[in-house]
N, C-alpha and C. Protein backbone atom coordinates (compact mmCIF):
# COMPACT_ATOMS: atom_id res chain seq x y z
N UNK A 1 -85.87 -18.24 2.69
CA UNK A 1 -85.34 -19.54 1.64
C UNK A 1 -85.08 -20.26 2.76
N UNK A 2 -85.06 -21.46 2.65
CA UNK A 2 -84.58 -23.07 3.49
C UNK A 2 -83.36 -23.09 3.07
N UNK A 3 -82.51 -24.09 3.90
CA UNK A 3 -81.74 -24.45 3.49
C UNK A 3 -81.27 -25.15 2.28
N UNK A 4 -82.06 -25.79 2.16
CA UNK A 4 -82.29 -26.38 0.97
C UNK A 4 -82.72 -25.97 -0.55
N UNK A 5 -83.29 -25.10 -0.49
CA UNK A 5 -83.65 -24.27 -1.83
C UNK A 5 -82.34 -23.26 -1.68
N UNK A 6 -81.46 -23.07 -0.70
CA UNK A 6 -80.40 -22.22 -1.00
C UNK A 6 -79.30 -23.26 -1.52
N UNK A 7 -79.37 -24.29 -0.84
CA UNK A 7 -78.56 -25.46 -1.71
C UNK A 7 -78.70 -25.57 -2.84
N UNK A 8 -79.79 -25.93 -3.59
CA UNK A 8 -80.42 -25.72 -4.92
C UNK A 8 -79.92 -24.57 -5.67
N UNK A 9 -80.11 -23.82 -5.34
CA UNK A 9 -79.95 -22.33 -6.13
C UNK A 9 -78.84 -22.18 -6.48
N UNK A 10 -77.74 -22.82 -5.34
CA UNK A 10 -76.13 -22.35 -5.40
C UNK A 10 -75.66 -23.17 -6.12
N UNK A 11 -76.24 -24.57 -6.20
CA UNK A 11 -75.74 -25.66 -6.91
C UNK A 11 -76.42 -25.47 -8.61
N UNK A 12 -77.30 -24.66 -8.53
CA UNK A 12 -77.54 -24.47 -10.33
C UNK A 12 -76.82 -23.42 -10.84
N UNK A 13 -76.69 -22.41 -9.58
CA UNK A 13 -75.52 -21.42 -10.01
C UNK A 13 -74.23 -21.89 -10.86
N UNK A 14 -73.96 -23.13 -9.85
CA UNK A 14 -72.58 -23.87 -10.37
C UNK A 14 -72.47 -24.21 -11.64
N UNK A 15 -73.62 -25.22 -11.53
CA UNK A 15 -73.99 -26.10 -12.80
C UNK A 15 -74.03 -25.11 -13.90
N UNK A 16 -74.45 -24.07 -14.12
CA UNK A 16 -74.66 -22.87 -15.16
C UNK A 16 -73.21 -22.34 -15.65
N UNK A 17 -72.59 -22.34 -14.41
CA UNK A 17 -70.76 -21.38 -14.67
C UNK A 17 -70.46 -22.58 -15.50
N UNK A 18 -70.14 -23.79 -15.09
CA UNK A 18 -69.45 -25.11 -15.62
C UNK A 18 -69.84 -24.79 -17.30
N UNK A 19 -71.21 -24.97 -16.99
CA UNK A 19 -71.93 -25.24 -18.35
C UNK A 19 -71.34 -24.38 -19.62
N UNK A 20 -71.28 -22.99 -18.67
CA UNK A 20 -71.04 -21.39 -19.70
C UNK A 20 -69.34 -22.12 -20.20
N UNK A 21 -68.29 -22.46 -18.95
CA UNK A 21 -67.18 -22.46 -19.49
C UNK A 21 -66.57 -23.77 -20.37
N UNK A 22 -67.67 -24.29 -20.21
CA UNK A 22 -67.20 -26.15 -20.94
C UNK A 22 -67.89 -25.59 -22.47
N UNK A 23 -68.97 -24.77 -22.61
CA UNK A 23 -69.45 -24.22 -24.05
C UNK A 23 -68.29 -23.58 -24.76
N UNK A 24 -67.63 -22.69 -23.87
CA UNK A 24 -66.64 -21.56 -24.29
C UNK A 24 -65.32 -22.67 -24.80
N UNK A 25 -64.99 -23.39 -23.90
CA UNK A 25 -63.70 -23.92 -24.46
C UNK A 25 -64.21 -25.09 -25.54
N UNK A 26 -65.52 -25.55 -25.48
CA UNK A 26 -65.74 -26.16 -27.16
C UNK A 26 -65.58 -25.40 -28.32
N UNK A 27 -66.08 -24.19 -28.08
CA UNK A 27 -65.82 -23.12 -28.92
C UNK A 27 -64.96 -22.92 -29.75
N UNK A 28 -64.15 -22.62 -28.76
CA UNK A 28 -62.77 -22.35 -28.86
C UNK A 28 -61.57 -23.86 -29.78
N UNK A 29 -62.14 -24.79 -28.97
CA UNK A 29 -61.23 -26.05 -29.80
C UNK A 29 -61.64 -26.27 -30.55
N UNK A 30 -63.04 -25.76 -31.21
CA UNK A 30 -63.70 -26.04 -32.34
C UNK A 30 -62.81 -25.67 -33.54
N UNK A 31 -62.34 -24.20 -33.25
CA UNK A 31 -61.37 -23.41 -34.57
C UNK A 31 -60.53 -23.84 -35.24
N UNK A 32 -59.42 -24.94 -34.42
CA UNK A 32 -58.41 -25.97 -35.18
C UNK A 32 -58.99 -26.58 -36.16
N UNK A 33 -60.01 -27.91 -35.80
CA UNK A 33 -60.44 -28.30 -36.65
C UNK A 33 -61.24 -27.95 -38.02
N UNK A 34 -61.77 -26.79 -37.59
CA UNK A 34 -62.30 -26.22 -38.99
C UNK A 34 -61.47 -25.40 -39.31
N UNK A 35 -60.76 -24.42 -39.26
CA UNK A 35 -59.73 -23.78 -39.90
C UNK A 35 -58.46 -24.79 -40.58
N UNK A 36 -58.75 -25.58 -40.12
CA UNK A 36 -57.13 -26.30 -40.78
C UNK A 36 -57.79 -27.74 -41.88
N UNK A 37 -59.32 -27.79 -41.77
CA UNK A 37 -59.95 -28.76 -43.05
C UNK A 37 -60.27 -27.48 -43.86
N UNK A 38 -60.48 -26.51 -43.69
CA UNK A 38 -61.00 -25.12 -44.64
C UNK A 38 -62.21 -25.10 -44.93
N UNK A 39 -62.70 -25.33 -43.33
CA UNK A 39 -64.56 -25.45 -43.48
C UNK A 39 -64.50 -23.74 -43.10
N UNK A 40 -64.53 -23.04 -43.76
CA UNK A 40 -64.57 -21.57 -44.16
C UNK A 40 -66.07 -20.72 -43.18
N UNK A 41 -67.01 -21.49 -43.20
CA UNK A 41 -68.32 -21.38 -42.98
C UNK A 41 -68.10 -21.64 -41.45
N UNK A 42 -67.52 -22.76 -40.81
CA UNK A 42 -68.00 -23.15 -39.50
C UNK A 42 -66.89 -22.35 -39.07
N UNK A 43 -66.18 -22.14 -39.49
CA UNK A 43 -64.90 -20.90 -38.64
C UNK A 43 -65.84 -19.46 -38.42
N UNK A 44 -66.61 -19.02 -39.48
CA UNK A 44 -66.95 -17.74 -39.41
C UNK A 44 -68.38 -17.82 -38.71
N UNK A 45 -68.73 -19.31 -38.38
CA UNK A 45 -70.26 -19.08 -37.58
C UNK A 45 -69.62 -19.20 -36.14
N UNK A 46 -68.11 -19.09 -35.91
CA UNK A 46 -68.03 -19.27 -34.44
C UNK A 46 -68.07 -17.66 -33.64
N UNK A 47 -68.06 -16.86 -34.62
CA UNK A 47 -68.39 -15.52 -34.55
C UNK A 47 -69.92 -15.29 -34.63
N UNK A 48 -69.87 -13.82 -33.96
CA UNK A 48 -71.24 -12.92 -34.35
C UNK A 48 -71.19 -12.48 -35.52
N UNK A 49 -72.31 -11.98 -36.15
CA UNK A 49 -72.67 -11.78 -37.15
C UNK A 49 -71.03 -10.28 -37.62
N UNK A 50 -70.89 -9.70 -36.72
CA UNK A 50 -70.23 -8.61 -36.55
C UNK A 50 -68.99 -8.63 -36.11
N UNK A 51 -68.47 -9.98 -35.64
CA UNK A 51 -67.32 -10.04 -34.82
C UNK A 51 -66.01 -9.69 -35.69
N UNK A 52 -65.26 -9.41 -34.52
CA UNK A 52 -63.84 -9.03 -35.08
C UNK A 52 -62.89 -10.12 -35.05
N UNK A 53 -61.88 -10.38 -35.87
CA UNK A 53 -60.91 -11.21 -35.67
C UNK A 53 -59.63 -10.25 -35.95
N UNK A 54 -58.75 -9.93 -35.03
CA UNK A 54 -57.34 -9.08 -34.88
C UNK A 54 -56.21 -9.97 -34.95
N UNK A 55 -55.88 -10.09 -36.06
CA UNK A 55 -54.38 -10.91 -35.79
C UNK A 55 -53.19 -9.47 -36.27
N UNK A 56 -51.86 -9.88 -35.74
CA UNK A 56 -50.75 -8.81 -36.30
C UNK A 56 -50.87 -8.87 -37.51
N UNK A 57 -51.49 -9.61 -38.60
CA UNK A 57 -51.22 -9.37 -40.30
C UNK A 57 -52.55 -8.55 -40.62
N UNK A 58 -53.71 -8.16 -40.19
CA UNK A 58 -54.61 -7.28 -40.24
C UNK A 58 -55.90 -7.74 -39.51
N UNK A 59 -56.91 -6.82 -39.65
CA UNK A 59 -58.03 -7.15 -38.90
C UNK A 59 -59.37 -7.64 -40.32
N UNK A 60 -59.87 -8.35 -39.63
CA UNK A 60 -60.96 -9.24 -40.24
C UNK A 60 -62.55 -8.68 -39.36
N UNK A 61 -63.67 -8.18 -40.19
CA UNK A 61 -64.69 -7.80 -39.52
C UNK A 61 -65.62 -8.63 -39.93
N UNK A 62 -66.48 -9.63 -39.37
CA UNK A 62 -67.41 -10.03 -39.99
C UNK A 62 -67.52 -11.62 -40.56
N UNK A 63 -68.40 -11.83 -40.81
CA UNK A 63 -68.36 -13.25 -41.52
C UNK A 63 -67.49 -13.55 -43.04
N UNK A 64 -68.04 -12.76 -43.66
CA UNK A 64 -67.41 -12.52 -44.78
C UNK A 64 -66.21 -12.52 -45.22
N UNK A 65 -65.55 -11.58 -44.31
CA UNK A 65 -64.37 -11.38 -44.22
C UNK A 65 -63.49 -12.46 -43.29
N UNK A 66 -64.24 -13.28 -42.66
CA UNK A 66 -63.01 -14.31 -42.20
C UNK A 66 -63.56 -15.59 -42.52
N UNK A 67 -64.28 -15.53 -43.30
CA UNK A 67 -64.82 -16.80 -44.71
C UNK A 67 -64.09 -16.59 -45.74
N UNK A 68 -63.43 -15.08 -45.94
CA UNK A 68 -62.29 -14.85 -47.26
C UNK A 68 -61.20 -15.63 -46.59
N UNK A 69 -60.90 -15.08 -45.51
CA UNK A 69 -59.34 -15.75 -44.95
C UNK A 69 -58.95 -17.17 -45.11
N UNK A 70 -60.23 -17.55 -44.73
CA UNK A 70 -60.02 -19.24 -45.04
C UNK A 70 -60.30 -19.67 -46.26
N UNK A 71 -60.65 -18.82 -47.13
CA UNK A 71 -60.70 -19.28 -48.92
C UNK A 71 -59.61 -18.79 -49.34
N UNK A 72 -58.62 -18.35 -48.89
CA UNK A 72 -57.37 -17.25 -49.34
C UNK A 72 -56.71 -18.58 -49.76
N UNK A 73 -56.00 -17.77 -51.28
CA UNK A 73 -54.88 -18.58 -51.45
C UNK A 73 -53.78 -19.11 -50.59
N UNK A 74 -53.73 -17.86 -50.00
CA UNK A 74 -52.36 -18.02 -48.61
C UNK A 74 -52.58 -19.21 -47.72
N UNK A 75 -54.08 -19.25 -47.14
CA UNK A 75 -54.51 -20.08 -46.04
C UNK A 75 -54.88 -21.52 -46.75
N UNK A 76 -55.16 -21.51 -48.24
CA UNK A 76 -55.24 -22.85 -48.43
C UNK A 76 -53.88 -23.52 -49.23
N UNK A 77 -52.78 -22.57 -49.30
CA UNK A 77 -51.47 -23.13 -49.36
C UNK A 77 -51.02 -23.98 -48.00
N UNK A 78 -51.17 -23.22 -46.68
CA UNK A 78 -51.25 -23.81 -45.62
C UNK A 78 -51.69 -25.07 -45.24
N UNK A 79 -53.29 -25.31 -45.81
CA UNK A 79 -53.65 -26.72 -45.53
C UNK A 79 -53.31 -27.65 -46.80
N UNK A 80 -53.00 -27.14 -47.94
CA UNK A 80 -52.50 -28.10 -48.97
C UNK A 80 -51.30 -28.59 -48.80
N UNK A 81 -50.43 -27.72 -48.00
CA UNK A 81 -48.79 -28.42 -47.38
C UNK A 81 -49.23 -29.01 -46.07
N UNK A 82 -50.31 -28.91 -45.31
CA UNK A 82 -50.30 -29.28 -44.18
C UNK A 82 -49.75 -28.43 -43.20
N UNK A 83 -50.86 -28.19 -42.29
CA UNK A 83 -50.90 -27.39 -40.92
C UNK A 83 -51.75 -28.05 -40.08
N UNK A 84 -51.63 -27.16 -38.83
CA UNK A 84 -52.33 -27.61 -37.29
C UNK A 84 -52.68 -26.40 -36.60
N UNK A 85 -53.29 -25.70 -36.06
CA UNK A 85 -53.36 -24.74 -35.28
C UNK A 85 -53.99 -25.24 -33.82
N UNK A 86 -52.66 -25.40 -33.06
CA UNK A 86 -52.91 -26.09 -31.64
C UNK A 86 -53.20 -24.93 -30.74
N UNK A 87 -54.52 -25.03 -29.67
CA UNK A 87 -54.56 -24.02 -28.92
C UNK A 87 -54.58 -24.71 -27.47
N UNK A 88 -53.73 -24.16 -26.80
CA UNK A 88 -53.80 -24.84 -25.39
C UNK A 88 -55.23 -24.48 -24.39
N UNK A 89 -55.47 -25.37 -23.34
CA UNK A 89 -56.82 -24.68 -22.89
C UNK A 89 -56.67 -23.30 -22.54
N UNK A 90 -57.81 -22.92 -22.58
CA UNK A 90 -57.65 -21.33 -22.17
C UNK A 90 -58.36 -21.08 -20.96
N UNK A 91 -57.80 -20.03 -20.63
CA UNK A 91 -58.74 -19.69 -19.08
C UNK A 91 -59.30 -18.65 -19.02
N UNK A 92 -60.46 -19.01 -18.69
CA UNK A 92 -61.99 -18.21 -18.89
C UNK A 92 -62.40 -17.75 -17.56
N UNK A 93 -63.00 -16.50 -17.85
CA UNK A 93 -63.96 -15.72 -16.67
C UNK A 93 -65.30 -15.71 -17.56
N UNK A 94 -65.97 -16.08 -16.93
CA UNK A 94 -67.38 -15.51 -17.05
C UNK A 94 -68.22 -14.83 -16.14
N UNK A 95 -68.58 -13.72 -17.01
CA UNK A 95 -69.59 -12.75 -15.96
C UNK A 95 -70.58 -12.31 -16.43
N UNK A 96 -71.73 -13.71 -16.18
CA UNK A 96 -73.03 -12.90 -16.57
C UNK A 96 -73.00 -13.61 -18.42
N UNK A 97 -73.65 -12.96 -19.58
CA UNK A 97 -73.54 -13.36 -20.65
C UNK A 97 -72.51 -12.87 -21.70
N UNK A 98 -71.31 -12.51 -20.55
CA UNK A 98 -70.32 -12.39 -21.55
C UNK A 98 -69.13 -13.13 -20.80
N UNK A 99 -68.02 -12.84 -21.62
CA UNK A 99 -66.76 -13.75 -21.25
C UNK A 99 -65.31 -13.39 -22.16
N UNK A 100 -64.41 -13.54 -21.18
CA UNK A 100 -62.96 -13.56 -22.00
C UNK A 100 -62.36 -14.78 -21.69
N UNK A 101 -61.86 -14.96 -22.63
CA UNK A 101 -60.95 -16.07 -22.23
C UNK A 101 -59.56 -15.92 -22.75
N UNK A 102 -58.37 -16.30 -22.21
CA UNK A 102 -56.99 -16.06 -22.41
C UNK A 102 -56.38 -17.56 -22.79
N UNK A 103 -55.47 -17.46 -24.09
CA UNK A 103 -54.68 -18.57 -24.23
C UNK A 103 -53.51 -18.36 -24.88
N UNK A 104 -52.53 -19.28 -25.27
CA UNK A 104 -51.89 -19.09 -26.35
C UNK A 104 -51.96 -20.38 -27.31
N UNK A 105 -51.79 -19.89 -28.62
CA UNK A 105 -51.72 -20.91 -30.03
C UNK A 105 -50.64 -21.08 -30.68
N UNK A 106 -50.41 -22.38 -31.52
CA UNK A 106 -49.60 -22.11 -32.08
C UNK A 106 -49.67 -22.83 -33.77
N UNK A 107 -49.13 -21.92 -34.73
CA UNK A 107 -49.42 -22.61 -36.08
C UNK A 107 -48.22 -23.96 -36.19
N UNK A 108 -48.80 -25.15 -36.41
CA UNK A 108 -47.54 -26.00 -36.87
C UNK A 108 -47.61 -26.07 -38.30
N UNK A 109 -46.78 -25.75 -39.06
CA UNK A 109 -46.83 -26.27 -40.71
C UNK A 109 -45.76 -27.55 -41.02
N UNK A 110 -46.10 -28.35 -42.42
CA UNK A 110 -45.34 -29.74 -42.79
C UNK A 110 -44.71 -28.61 -44.01
N UNK A 111 -43.22 -28.81 -44.26
CA UNK A 111 -42.52 -28.66 -45.10
C UNK A 111 -41.45 -29.33 -45.70
N UNK A 112 -40.39 -29.47 -45.92
CA UNK A 112 -39.34 -30.15 -46.52
C UNK A 112 -38.66 -30.69 -45.51
N UNK A 113 -38.44 -30.33 -44.41
CA UNK A 113 -37.82 -30.80 -43.09
C UNK A 113 -39.07 -31.66 -42.26
N UNK A 114 -40.36 -31.57 -42.44
CA UNK A 114 -40.99 -32.09 -41.58
C UNK A 114 -41.98 -31.26 -40.87
N UNK A 115 -42.26 -31.22 -39.68
CA UNK A 115 -43.07 -30.21 -39.22
C UNK A 115 -42.23 -29.55 -38.28
N UNK A 116 -42.80 -27.99 -38.20
CA UNK A 116 -42.26 -27.21 -37.38
C UNK A 116 -43.53 -26.22 -36.86
N UNK A 117 -43.11 -25.58 -35.37
CA UNK A 117 -43.54 -24.61 -35.25
C UNK A 117 -43.46 -23.34 -35.84
N UNK A 118 -44.51 -22.41 -36.77
CA UNK A 118 -44.21 -21.39 -37.64
C UNK A 118 -44.58 -20.04 -36.53
N UNK A 119 -45.51 -19.97 -35.58
CA UNK A 119 -45.73 -18.99 -34.82
C UNK A 119 -46.58 -19.43 -33.81
N UNK A 120 -46.06 -18.60 -32.72
CA UNK A 120 -46.82 -19.08 -31.31
C UNK A 120 -47.37 -17.45 -31.08
N UNK A 121 -48.81 -17.59 -30.61
CA UNK A 121 -49.71 -16.40 -30.68
C UNK A 121 -50.09 -16.39 -29.35
N UNK A 122 -50.31 -15.22 -28.58
CA UNK A 122 -51.32 -14.91 -27.41
C UNK A 122 -52.38 -14.63 -27.68
N UNK A 123 -53.51 -15.12 -26.98
CA UNK A 123 -55.00 -14.71 -27.86
C UNK A 123 -55.80 -14.83 -26.46
N UNK A 124 -56.44 -13.58 -27.05
CA UNK A 124 -57.66 -13.40 -26.28
C UNK A 124 -58.83 -13.18 -27.11
N UNK A 125 -59.76 -14.14 -26.25
CA UNK A 125 -61.05 -14.16 -26.98
C UNK A 125 -62.41 -13.49 -26.13
N UNK A 126 -63.12 -12.23 -27.03
CA UNK A 126 -64.08 -11.82 -26.10
C UNK A 126 -65.28 -12.53 -26.53
N UNK A 127 -66.08 -13.28 -25.77
CA UNK A 127 -67.22 -13.57 -26.00
C UNK A 127 -68.43 -13.17 -25.57
N UNK A 128 -69.73 -13.47 -26.38
CA UNK A 128 -71.26 -12.98 -25.62
C UNK A 128 -71.81 -14.27 -25.83
N UNK A 129 -73.22 -14.44 -24.87
CA UNK A 129 -73.94 -15.51 -24.79
C UNK A 129 -75.28 -14.82 -25.59
N UNK A 130 -75.77 -15.31 -27.00
CA UNK A 130 -76.64 -14.83 -27.67
C UNK A 130 -77.73 -15.86 -27.91
N UNK A 131 -79.01 -15.76 -27.30
CA UNK A 131 -79.69 -17.06 -27.77
C UNK A 131 -79.32 -18.00 -27.15
N UNK A 132 -78.41 -17.97 -25.95
CA UNK A 132 -78.25 -19.29 -25.19
C UNK A 132 -76.91 -20.01 -25.83
N UNK A 133 -76.44 -19.32 -26.73
CA UNK A 133 -75.46 -19.56 -27.60
C UNK A 133 -74.05 -19.10 -27.46
N UNK A 134 -72.83 -19.47 -26.99
CA UNK A 134 -71.89 -18.40 -27.05
C UNK A 134 -71.09 -18.40 -28.49
N UNK A 135 -70.92 -17.06 -28.39
CA UNK A 135 -70.35 -16.60 -30.11
C UNK A 135 -69.13 -15.62 -29.77
N UNK A 136 -68.03 -15.48 -30.56
CA UNK A 136 -67.05 -14.54 -30.41
C UNK A 136 -67.34 -13.27 -30.77
N UNK A 137 -66.72 -12.32 -30.21
CA UNK A 137 -67.54 -10.84 -30.49
C UNK A 137 -66.09 -10.39 -31.14
N UNK A 138 -64.83 -10.73 -30.46
CA UNK A 138 -63.60 -10.11 -30.91
C UNK A 138 -62.72 -10.95 -30.27
N UNK A 139 -61.78 -11.47 -31.09
CA UNK A 139 -60.41 -12.34 -30.96
C UNK A 139 -59.24 -11.56 -31.20
N UNK A 140 -58.28 -11.36 -30.49
CA UNK A 140 -57.00 -10.85 -30.82
C UNK A 140 -55.99 -11.55 -30.44
N UNK A 141 -55.33 -12.05 -31.43
CA UNK A 141 -53.96 -12.39 -31.75
C UNK A 141 -52.84 -11.68 -31.57
N UNK A 142 -51.76 -12.13 -30.74
CA UNK A 142 -50.26 -10.99 -31.27
C UNK A 142 -49.15 -11.98 -30.91
N UNK A 143 -48.18 -12.06 -31.87
CA UNK A 143 -47.12 -12.94 -31.81
C UNK A 143 -46.18 -12.75 -30.27
N UNK A 144 -45.96 -13.71 -29.90
CA UNK A 144 -44.91 -14.00 -28.89
C UNK A 144 -43.85 -13.98 -29.30
N UNK A 145 -43.19 -13.08 -29.68
CA UNK A 145 -41.57 -12.96 -30.12
C UNK A 145 -41.04 -11.67 -29.40
N UNK A 146 -41.73 -11.37 -28.61
CA UNK A 146 -40.55 -10.49 -27.17
C UNK A 146 -41.58 -9.33 -27.41
N UNK A 147 -42.57 -9.29 -28.12
CA UNK A 147 -43.42 -7.71 -28.26
C UNK A 147 -44.08 -7.74 -26.59
N UNK A 148 -43.95 -6.54 -26.00
CA UNK A 148 -44.98 -6.00 -24.86
C UNK A 148 -46.13 -6.26 -25.41
N UNK A 149 -46.90 -6.05 -26.17
CA UNK A 149 -47.90 -6.23 -26.56
C UNK A 149 -48.75 -7.37 -26.15
N UNK A 150 -48.03 -8.62 -26.72
CA UNK A 150 -48.52 -9.96 -26.66
C UNK A 150 -48.45 -10.14 -25.22
N UNK A 151 -47.38 -9.97 -23.97
CA UNK A 151 -47.12 -10.00 -22.61
C UNK A 151 -48.52 -9.59 -21.93
N UNK A 152 -48.86 -8.41 -22.44
CA UNK A 152 -49.71 -7.20 -21.84
C UNK A 152 -51.00 -8.21 -22.23
N UNK A 153 -51.32 -8.34 -23.14
CA UNK A 153 -52.43 -9.52 -23.61
C UNK A 153 -52.60 -10.65 -22.49
N UNK A 154 -51.61 -11.51 -22.80
CA UNK A 154 -51.78 -12.33 -21.26
C UNK A 154 -52.13 -12.12 -19.92
N UNK A 155 -51.26 -11.37 -19.53
CA UNK A 155 -51.34 -10.64 -18.18
C UNK A 155 -52.82 -10.31 -17.95
N UNK A 156 -53.57 -9.44 -18.98
CA UNK A 156 -54.96 -9.08 -18.88
C UNK A 156 -56.09 -10.18 -18.02
N UNK A 157 -55.75 -11.20 -18.91
CA UNK A 157 -56.28 -12.34 -18.83
C UNK A 157 -56.27 -12.97 -17.49
N UNK A 158 -55.44 -12.83 -16.89
CA UNK A 158 -55.34 -13.70 -15.72
C UNK A 158 -55.41 -12.76 -14.31
N UNK A 159 -55.44 -11.47 -14.73
CA UNK A 159 -55.55 -10.54 -13.63
C UNK A 159 -56.67 -10.95 -12.45
N UNK A 160 -56.47 -10.40 -11.30
CA UNK A 160 -57.39 -11.22 -10.33
C UNK A 160 -58.30 -9.86 -9.71
């Protein structure tokens, strides 16, 4: 292989890695607008058909369960009162057609006193590239309220 061929191959690999990370970040940041607008199908489509959404209040498996959460009276109450799911940029590691992203998120709600942070969670997103599209296979959220489990989740995402 010539030096030019090696350079082109190396650049193509770097572009693919950048495209994958950008696609993953776009997927993650689509969650907030989708969930806060009550777009249940859009939220569910972020996951694989058998994807898992594991939050400290329960585990949802598959599109139907995720859709039901968005359509639930509890979630519709958050939307009706005013809420915003805010995600920090994720720390993304891609390994071929799988990836892990680690970040923190906040749920901000509106109440009689204005806006307040209702909860902050550690997030681990496990993803797979299927037919050229990144999907969530499992997302785990844990409250950052001093629990060891949340700190462990964050630490696992940034180990070198």
